[in-house]
Amino acid sequence: MNYTRDRSDTEIAAEIRKALEWSVFVNYPSMIEVEVDDGEVTLSGIVSSPAEKNRAITYGWVNGVSDVNTSDLIVSQSLEQPNNRNDQPDEPTDREIKQAVLNALFYDPRVNSFNVDIDATYGRITLRGEVDNLESKRSAEQTTRNTRGVTTVYNRLKVRSENQLTDNQLEKKARKAIAGDSWIADDDVTLLIENGVADIFGTVDSTYEKNKAESLVSAIEGISYVDNNITAEDNDTPYVYDPYLDEYDPYTYTWYYQESSDDLGQHYSRYNNRLSDADIKREINDELWWSPFVDSDDVNVSVKNARATLTGTVSSMSEKQSAAENAIEGGATSVENKLTIQ
């Protein structure tokens, strides 16, 4: 890679340390040592999970870095965390769930939690209040869904902006945001904003770019809704969401998921379900049994409305990811990967 300017090792190390300190996914940044020698980064110390280690690696790849070495960054579950989730109560109370959601939103820099009210009933969370942009609304739902004990999220948050910008001003901001993103060619996306509602059109290569375009527009204060009519040329592969690695949650996008008519507000995929749930489960179990990367005896599979849930234990992060890939190959339209690494 050719960089516009050379950066000193001290400057690189300072940026990485700051990223670790501000990350909500790194529990103990002070226990990670950062050393940089001629653009080569070495991370050492202790993290509490493989997912946290992957985050640290991501933060190490800043501008000017040629390599990131983490051979001395050790994963240890002794950092004031339980060795297994089974050590925790099986069914937290609504009061405990509500407090957990409050804590999660408080530490999420994307959400102004002071204007968010939370109701909890049998694990079903209702969010009410106001946020200043659509991306904050979605981020609040994403963070709530990733909180232990939450089964369903009803997002009743309202987008309210103190800055009254005209549609032309909002459109200029949206075009600038898309033009400044390296993933999307600005001539691939057409924008139309009326009364704060953005319609986006065009053709992109992947669902990632389609999501990314909507995320960029949603983060602009003053836009209350985004109607995403972008066509993704590679739209055949469902999305496997990992809350520790992915910057957005596909389940909060109306074009990806639609609400069912049941009273639980469950979300089901819009992908065509060519197989029944029983057939999908059987296909996934066959994929796992034949996989050389997964010990199928320790993986349990359940399928509802073509959405697969994986539970059990695996020995590594790669085995966990391989199991999710097997579920997609078996016909699942999405995967909730709850496998525990031991």
Protein backbone atom coordinates (compact mmCIF):
# COMPACT_ATOMS: atom_id res chain seq x y z
CA MET A 1 0.00 0.00 0.00
CA ASN A 2 1.20 3.50 -0.80
CA TYR A 3 0.49 6.06 1.90
CA THR A 4 0.27 9.79 1.36
CA ARG A 5 2.79 10.43 4.13
CA ASP A 6 5.09 8.52 6.45
CA ARG A 7 3.97 8.15 10.04
CA SER A 8 6.20 7.75 13.03
CA ASP A 9 5.98 4.65 15.21
CA THR A 10 5.02 6.86 18.16
CA GLU A 11 2.08 8.34 16.26
CA ILE A 12 0.85 4.90 15.16
CA ALA A 13 1.11 3.48 18.69
CA ALA A 14 -0.81 6.44 20.13
CA GLU A 15 -3.66 5.98 17.65
CA ILE A 16 -3.96 2.26 18.41
CA ARG A 17 -3.94 2.84 22.18
CA LYS A 18 -6.64 5.47 21.84
CA ALA A 19 -8.81 3.13 19.73
CA LEU A 20 -8.46 0.39 22.36
CA GLU A 21 -9.34 2.79 25.17
CA TRP A 22 -12.50 4.06 23.47
CA SER A 23 -13.76 0.69 22.25
CA VAL A 24 -16.82 -0.72 24.00
CA PHE A 25 -15.68 -4.21 22.90
CA VAL A 26 -12.35 -4.17 24.76
CA ASN A 27 -12.89 -4.76 28.47
CA TYR A 28 -9.37 -4.14 29.76
CA PRO A 29 -7.38 -1.93 27.35
CA SER A 30 -4.75 -1.27 30.03
CA MET A 31 -3.78 -4.97 29.87
CA ILE A 32 -2.85 -4.74 26.18
CA GLU A 33 0.67 -3.53 25.40
CA VAL A 34 1.25 -1.80 22.07
CA GLU A 35 4.70 -1.65 20.48
CA VAL A 36 5.54 -0.38 17.00
CA ASP A 37 8.85 -0.89 15.20
CA ASP A 38 9.22 0.51 11.68
CA GLY A 39 5.48 0.17 11.01
CA GLU A 40 5.20 -3.36 12.45
CA VAL A 41 2.78 -3.56 15.37
CA THR A 42 3.13 -6.03 18.24
CA LEU A 43 0.20 -6.49 20.62
CA SER A 44 0.88 -8.39 23.83
CA GLY A 45 -0.86 -8.95 27.14
CA ILE A 46 -4.23 -10.47 28.04
CA VAL A 47 -7.76 -10.27 26.62
CA SER A 48 -10.89 -11.96 27.91
CA SER A 49 -12.14 -13.66 24.74
CA PRO A 50 -11.17 -14.58 21.16
CA ALA A 51 -13.68 -11.99 19.90
CA GLU A 52 -11.92 -9.30 21.94
CA LYS A 53 -8.59 -10.41 20.46
CA ASN A 54 -10.01 -10.08 16.95
CA ARG A 55 -11.16 -6.56 17.79
CA ALA A 56 -7.68 -5.65 19.02
CA ILE A 57 -6.19 -6.94 15.76
CA THR A 58 -8.63 -4.78 13.80
CA TYR A 59 -7.65 -1.68 15.78
CA GLY A 60 -3.98 -2.46 15.11
CA TRP A 61 -4.39 -2.02 11.35
CA VAL A 62 -4.26 1.76 11.15
CA ASN A 63 -2.74 3.91 8.42
CA GLY A 64 1.01 3.26 8.12
CA VAL A 65 1.01 -0.30 9.54
CA SER A 66 2.62 -3.08 7.52
CA ASP A 67 2.02 -6.01 9.92
CA VAL A 68 0.24 -6.82 13.20
CA ASN A 69 1.71 -9.53 15.43
CA THR A 70 -0.50 -10.92 18.24
CA SER A 71 1.33 -14.13 19.10
CA ASP A 72 1.89 -12.82 22.65
CA LEU A 73 -1.70 -11.59 23.11
CA ILE A 74 -3.19 -14.30 25.33
CA VAL A 75 -6.88 -15.12 25.74
CA SER A 76 -7.75 -15.70 29.40
CA GLN A 77 -11.23 -15.97 30.92
CA SER A 78 -9.87 -15.21 34.39
CA LEU A 79 -10.40 -11.45 34.00
CA GLU A 80 -13.29 -11.15 36.45
CA GLN A 81 -15.52 -13.08 34.07
CA PRO A 82 -17.31 -16.42 34.58
CA ASN A 83 -15.70 -19.43 32.96
CA ASN A 84 -19.03 -20.37 31.45
CA ARG A 85 -22.33 -18.63 30.92
CA ASN A 86 -23.98 -21.53 32.76
CA ASP A 87 -22.50 -20.04 35.95
CA GLN A 88 -24.98 -17.17 35.58
CA PRO A 89 -28.72 -17.38 36.38
CA ASP A 90 -30.61 -19.12 33.59
CA GLU A 91 -33.47 -16.62 33.62
CA PRO A 92 -32.57 -13.06 34.65
CA THR A 93 -35.43 -10.98 35.99
CA ASP A 94 -36.97 -8.14 33.97
CA ARG A 95 -35.38 -5.70 36.41
CA GLU A 96 -31.94 -7.19 35.76
CA ILE A 97 -32.52 -7.21 31.99
CA LYS A 98 -33.64 -3.58 32.04
CA GLN A 99 -30.56 -2.55 34.02
CA ALA A 100 -28.31 -4.50 31.64
CA VAL A 101 -29.84 -2.71 28.65
CA LEU A 102 -29.45 0.66 30.38
CA ASN A 103 -25.77 -0.08 31.02
CA ALA A 104 -25.21 -1.25 27.44
CA LEU A 105 -26.82 1.87 25.96
CA PHE A 106 -24.96 4.14 28.37
CA TYR A 107 -21.59 2.85 27.13
CA ASP A 108 -22.60 2.83 23.45
CA PRO A 109 -21.18 6.06 21.95
CA ARG A 110 -23.66 5.88 19.07
CA VAL A 111 -26.69 6.34 21.33
CA ASN A 112 -27.74 9.25 23.54
CA SER A 113 -29.23 7.03 26.25
CA PHE A 114 -30.34 9.95 28.42
CA ASN A 115 -33.38 10.39 26.15
CA VAL A 116 -34.28 6.69 25.98
CA ASP A 117 -36.91 5.00 28.20
CA ILE A 118 -36.93 1.22 28.59
CA ASP A 119 -39.76 -1.16 29.50
CA ALA A 120 -39.05 -4.85 30.11
CA THR A 121 -41.71 -7.59 30.22
CA TYR A 122 -40.67 -11.25 30.15
CA GLY A 123 -37.54 -10.38 28.20
CA ARG A 124 -39.40 -8.24 25.66
CA ILE A 125 -37.91 -4.76 25.55
CA THR A 126 -39.73 -1.65 24.38
CA LEU A 127 -37.60 1.40 23.60
CA ARG A 128 -39.24 4.83 23.75
CA GLY A 129 -37.93 8.36 23.61
CA GLU A 130 -36.01 10.48 21.13
CA VAL A 131 -32.69 10.26 19.28
CA ASP A 132 -31.18 12.76 16.85
CA ASN A 133 -30.61 10.47 13.85
CA LEU A 134 -31.86 7.24 12.34
CA GLU A 135 -28.56 5.42 12.82
CA SER A 136 -28.76 6.06 16.59
CA LYS A 137 -32.23 4.51 16.61
CA ARG A 138 -30.96 1.40 14.86
CA SER A 139 -27.85 1.22 17.03
CA ALA A 140 -30.02 1.31 20.16
CA GLU A 141 -32.01 -1.65 18.85
CA GLN A 142 -28.85 -3.51 17.87
CA THR A 143 -27.23 -3.03 21.28
CA THR A 144 -30.44 -4.02 23.07
CA ARG A 145 -30.80 -7.20 21.01
CA ASN A 146 -27.22 -8.18 21.87
CA THR A 147 -27.89 -7.89 25.62
CA ARG A 148 -28.27 -11.12 27.57
CA GLY A 149 -31.85 -11.97 28.50
CA VAL A 150 -33.51 -9.95 25.73
CA THR A 151 -35.82 -12.02 23.51
CA THR A 152 -37.62 -9.33 21.49
CA VAL A 153 -37.12 -5.63 20.83
CA TYR A 154 -39.91 -3.17 20.03
CA ASN A 155 -38.25 -0.01 18.78
CA ARG A 156 -40.59 2.94 19.39
CA LEU A 157 -37.84 5.57 19.38
CA LYS A 158 -38.58 8.77 17.47
CA VAL A 159 -36.01 10.61 15.36
CA ARG A 160 -36.05 14.30 16.34
CA SER A 161 -33.48 16.83 15.11
CA GLU A 162 -32.85 20.23 16.64
CA ASN A 163 -31.26 21.42 13.38
CA GLN A 164 -33.97 22.21 10.84
CA LEU A 165 -32.18 21.62 7.54
CA THR A 166 -33.84 21.84 4.16
CA ASP A 167 -34.12 18.81 1.90
CA ASN A 168 -31.45 20.31 -0.38
CA GLN A 169 -29.05 20.68 2.55
CA LEU A 170 -29.73 17.12 3.67
CA GLU A 171 -29.17 15.83 0.14
CA LYS A 172 -25.81 17.61 -0.10
CA LYS A 173 -24.73 16.06 3.20
CA ALA A 174 -25.87 12.61 2.08
CA ARG A 175 -24.04 12.86 -1.25
CA LYS A 176 -20.88 14.02 0.54
CA ALA A 177 -21.07 11.08 2.97
CA ILE A 178 -21.41 8.54 0.15
CA ALA A 179 -18.69 10.19 -1.95
CA GLY A 180 -16.30 10.02 1.00
CA ASP A 181 -16.73 6.28 1.50
CA SER A 182 -14.15 4.03 -0.13
CA TRP A 183 -16.55 1.09 -0.53
CA ILE A 184 -19.15 2.80 -2.69
CA ALA A 185 -18.77 4.57 -6.03
CA ASP A 186 -20.86 7.73 -5.66
CA ASP A 187 -22.17 7.43 -9.23
CA ASP A 188 -23.71 4.05 -8.32
CA VAL A 189 -26.21 5.62 -5.92
CA THR A 190 -29.02 8.08 -6.69
CA LEU A 191 -30.55 10.15 -3.88
CA LEU A 192 -33.93 11.82 -3.51
CA ILE A 193 -34.90 13.48 -0.20
CA GLU A 194 -38.35 14.87 0.51
CA ASN A 195 -39.58 16.05 3.94
CA GLY A 196 -36.62 14.35 5.61
CA VAL A 197 -37.33 10.96 3.98
CA ALA A 198 -34.50 9.66 1.80
CA ASP A 199 -35.08 7.41 -1.22
CA ILE A 200 -31.89 5.79 -2.48
CA PHE A 201 -31.58 3.92 -5.80
CA GLY A 202 -28.87 2.38 -7.93
CA THR A 203 -26.92 -0.85 -8.38
CA VAL A 204 -23.98 -2.01 -6.25
CA ASP A 205 -21.92 -5.19 -6.14
CA SER A 206 -22.98 -6.64 -2.76
CA THR A 207 -25.45 -6.46 0.13
CA TYR A 208 -22.62 -5.01 2.23
CA GLU A 209 -22.46 -1.95 -0.04
CA LYS A 210 -26.25 -1.68 0.00
CA ASN A 211 -26.22 -1.72 3.82
CA LYS A 212 -23.29 0.67 3.93
CA ALA A 213 -25.02 3.24 1.74
CA GLU A 214 -28.08 3.19 3.97
CA SER A 215 -25.96 3.46 7.13
CA LEU A 216 -24.17 6.52 5.78
CA VAL A 217 -27.43 8.28 4.94
CA SER A 218 -29.10 7.20 8.20
CA ALA A 219 -26.35 8.81 10.28
CA ILE A 220 -27.20 12.30 8.97
CA GLU A 221 -29.11 14.35 11.50
CA GLY A 222 -32.46 15.41 10.09
CA ILE A 223 -33.20 12.30 8.01
CA SER A 224 -36.08 10.43 9.63
CA TYR A 225 -36.36 7.43 7.31
CA VAL A 226 -34.45 5.75 4.48
CA ASP A 227 -36.23 3.80 1.74
CA ASN A 228 -33.47 1.58 0.36
CA ASN A 229 -34.25 0.59 -3.24
CA ILE A 230 -30.64 -0.19 -4.17
CA THR A 231 -30.14 -3.43 -6.10
CA ALA A 232 -27.29 -5.71 -5.02
CA GLU A 233 -25.94 -7.81 -7.89
CA ASP A 234 -24.68 -10.50 -5.48
CA ASN A 235 -27.84 -10.85 -3.38
CA ASP A 236 -28.03 -14.63 -3.11
CA THR A 237 -26.00 -15.12 0.05
CA PRO A 238 -27.70 -14.52 3.43
CA TYR A 239 -25.86 -12.60 6.09
CA VAL A 240 -24.22 -14.18 9.14
CA TYR A 241 -24.18 -11.49 11.82
CA ASP A 242 -21.43 -11.34 14.45
CA PRO A 243 -22.02 -8.58 17.05
CA TYR A 244 -18.31 -8.46 17.94
CA LEU A 245 -17.08 -7.94 14.42
CA ASP A 246 -19.80 -6.28 12.34
CA GLU A 247 -20.46 -2.56 12.42
CA TYR A 248 -24.16 -2.89 11.61
CA ASP A 249 -26.96 -5.35 12.33
CA PRO A 250 -28.86 -6.48 9.19
CA TYR A 251 -31.92 -7.40 11.24
CA THR A 252 -32.74 -3.72 11.81
CA TYR A 253 -33.17 -3.05 8.08
CA THR A 254 -36.74 -3.25 6.81
CA TRP A 255 -35.65 -4.46 3.37
CA TYR A 256 -33.71 -7.39 4.90
CA TYR A 257 -36.24 -8.52 7.47
CA GLN A 258 -39.98 -8.03 7.84
CA GLU A 259 -42.12 -8.26 10.98
CA SER A 260 -44.44 -11.22 11.28
CA SER A 261 -48.04 -11.02 12.40
CA ASP A 262 -47.48 -12.81 15.71
CA ASP A 263 -47.69 -11.04 19.07
CA LEU A 264 -43.99 -11.50 19.80
CA GLY A 265 -42.85 -9.24 16.99
CA GLN A 266 -40.40 -11.80 15.66
CA HIS A 267 -38.53 -10.93 12.45
CA TYR A 268 -38.33 -13.32 9.53
CA SER A 269 -36.11 -13.25 6.49
CA ARG A 270 -37.34 -12.07 3.09
CA TYR A 271 -35.09 -14.58 1.37
CA ASN A 272 -37.01 -17.33 -0.38
CA ASN A 273 -37.37 -20.36 1.87
CA ARG A 274 -37.04 -23.27 -0.52
CA LEU A 275 -37.04 -25.91 2.26
CA SER A 276 -39.13 -26.58 5.35
CA ASP A 277 -37.59 -25.99 8.77
CA ALA A 278 -37.27 -29.75 9.31
CA ASP A 279 -35.49 -30.18 5.97
CA ILE A 280 -33.15 -27.27 6.70
CA LYS A 281 -32.28 -28.72 10.11
CA ARG A 282 -31.54 -32.11 8.56
CA GLU A 283 -29.39 -30.52 5.83
CA ILE A 284 -27.43 -28.49 8.41
CA ASN A 285 -26.78 -31.55 10.56
CA ASP A 286 -25.53 -33.37 7.45
CA GLU A 287 -23.22 -30.44 6.62
CA LEU A 288 -21.85 -30.43 10.18
CA TRP A 289 -21.37 -34.21 10.22
CA TRP A 290 -19.35 -34.13 7.01
CA SER A 291 -17.35 -31.04 7.94
CA PRO A 292 -13.69 -31.70 8.81
CA PHE A 293 -13.60 -28.40 10.74
CA VAL A 294 -16.49 -28.95 13.18
CA ASP A 295 -17.13 -31.56 15.87
CA SER A 296 -20.83 -32.06 15.17
CA ASP A 297 -21.41 -34.02 18.38
CA ASP A 298 -21.06 -30.82 20.41
CA VAL A 299 -23.27 -28.61 18.20
CA ASN A 300 -27.06 -28.41 18.55
CA VAL A 301 -29.23 -27.03 15.75
CA SER A 302 -32.73 -25.55 15.87
CA VAL A 303 -34.56 -23.89 12.96
CA LYS A 304 -37.57 -21.59 12.97
CA ASN A 305 -38.82 -19.81 9.86
CA ALA A 306 -35.56 -20.74 8.08
CA ARG A 307 -33.46 -19.02 10.76
CA ALA A 308 -30.96 -21.39 12.36
CA THR A 309 -29.80 -21.15 15.97
CA LEU A 310 -26.57 -22.94 16.90
CA THR A 311 -25.85 -23.83 20.53
CA GLY A 312 -23.23 -25.99 22.20
CA THR A 313 -19.46 -25.79 22.41
CA VAL A 314 -16.54 -25.50 20.00
CA SER A 315 -12.82 -25.33 20.53
CA SER A 316 -11.93 -22.23 18.50
CA MET A 317 -13.24 -19.14 16.77
CA SER A 318 -12.59 -20.73 13.36
CA GLU A 319 -14.69 -23.77 14.31
CA LYS A 320 -17.50 -21.46 15.39
CA GLN A 321 -17.37 -19.61 12.05
CA SER A 322 -17.22 -22.88 10.10
CA ALA A 323 -20.38 -24.07 11.85
CA ALA A 324 -22.18 -20.88 10.80
CA GLU A 325 -21.05 -21.39 7.21
CA ASN A 326 -22.36 -24.97 7.33
CA ALA A 327 -25.75 -23.65 8.48
CA ILE A 328 -25.94 -21.30 5.50
CA GLU A 329 -24.92 -24.12 3.16
CA GLY A 330 -27.69 -26.24 4.67
CA GLY A 331 -30.34 -23.75 3.59
CA ALA A 332 -30.70 -21.33 6.53
CA THR A 333 -31.51 -17.76 5.57
CA SER A 334 -29.72 -16.38 8.65
CA VAL A 335 -27.79 -17.76 11.62
CA GLU A 336 -27.85 -16.89 15.29
CA ASN A 337 -24.52 -18.28 16.41
CA LYS A 338 -24.64 -18.96 20.17
CA LEU A 339 -21.80 -21.49 20.22
CA THR A 340 -19.48 -21.15 23.22
CA ILE A 341 -15.72 -21.42 22.81
CA GLN A 342 -14.04 -23.64 25.41
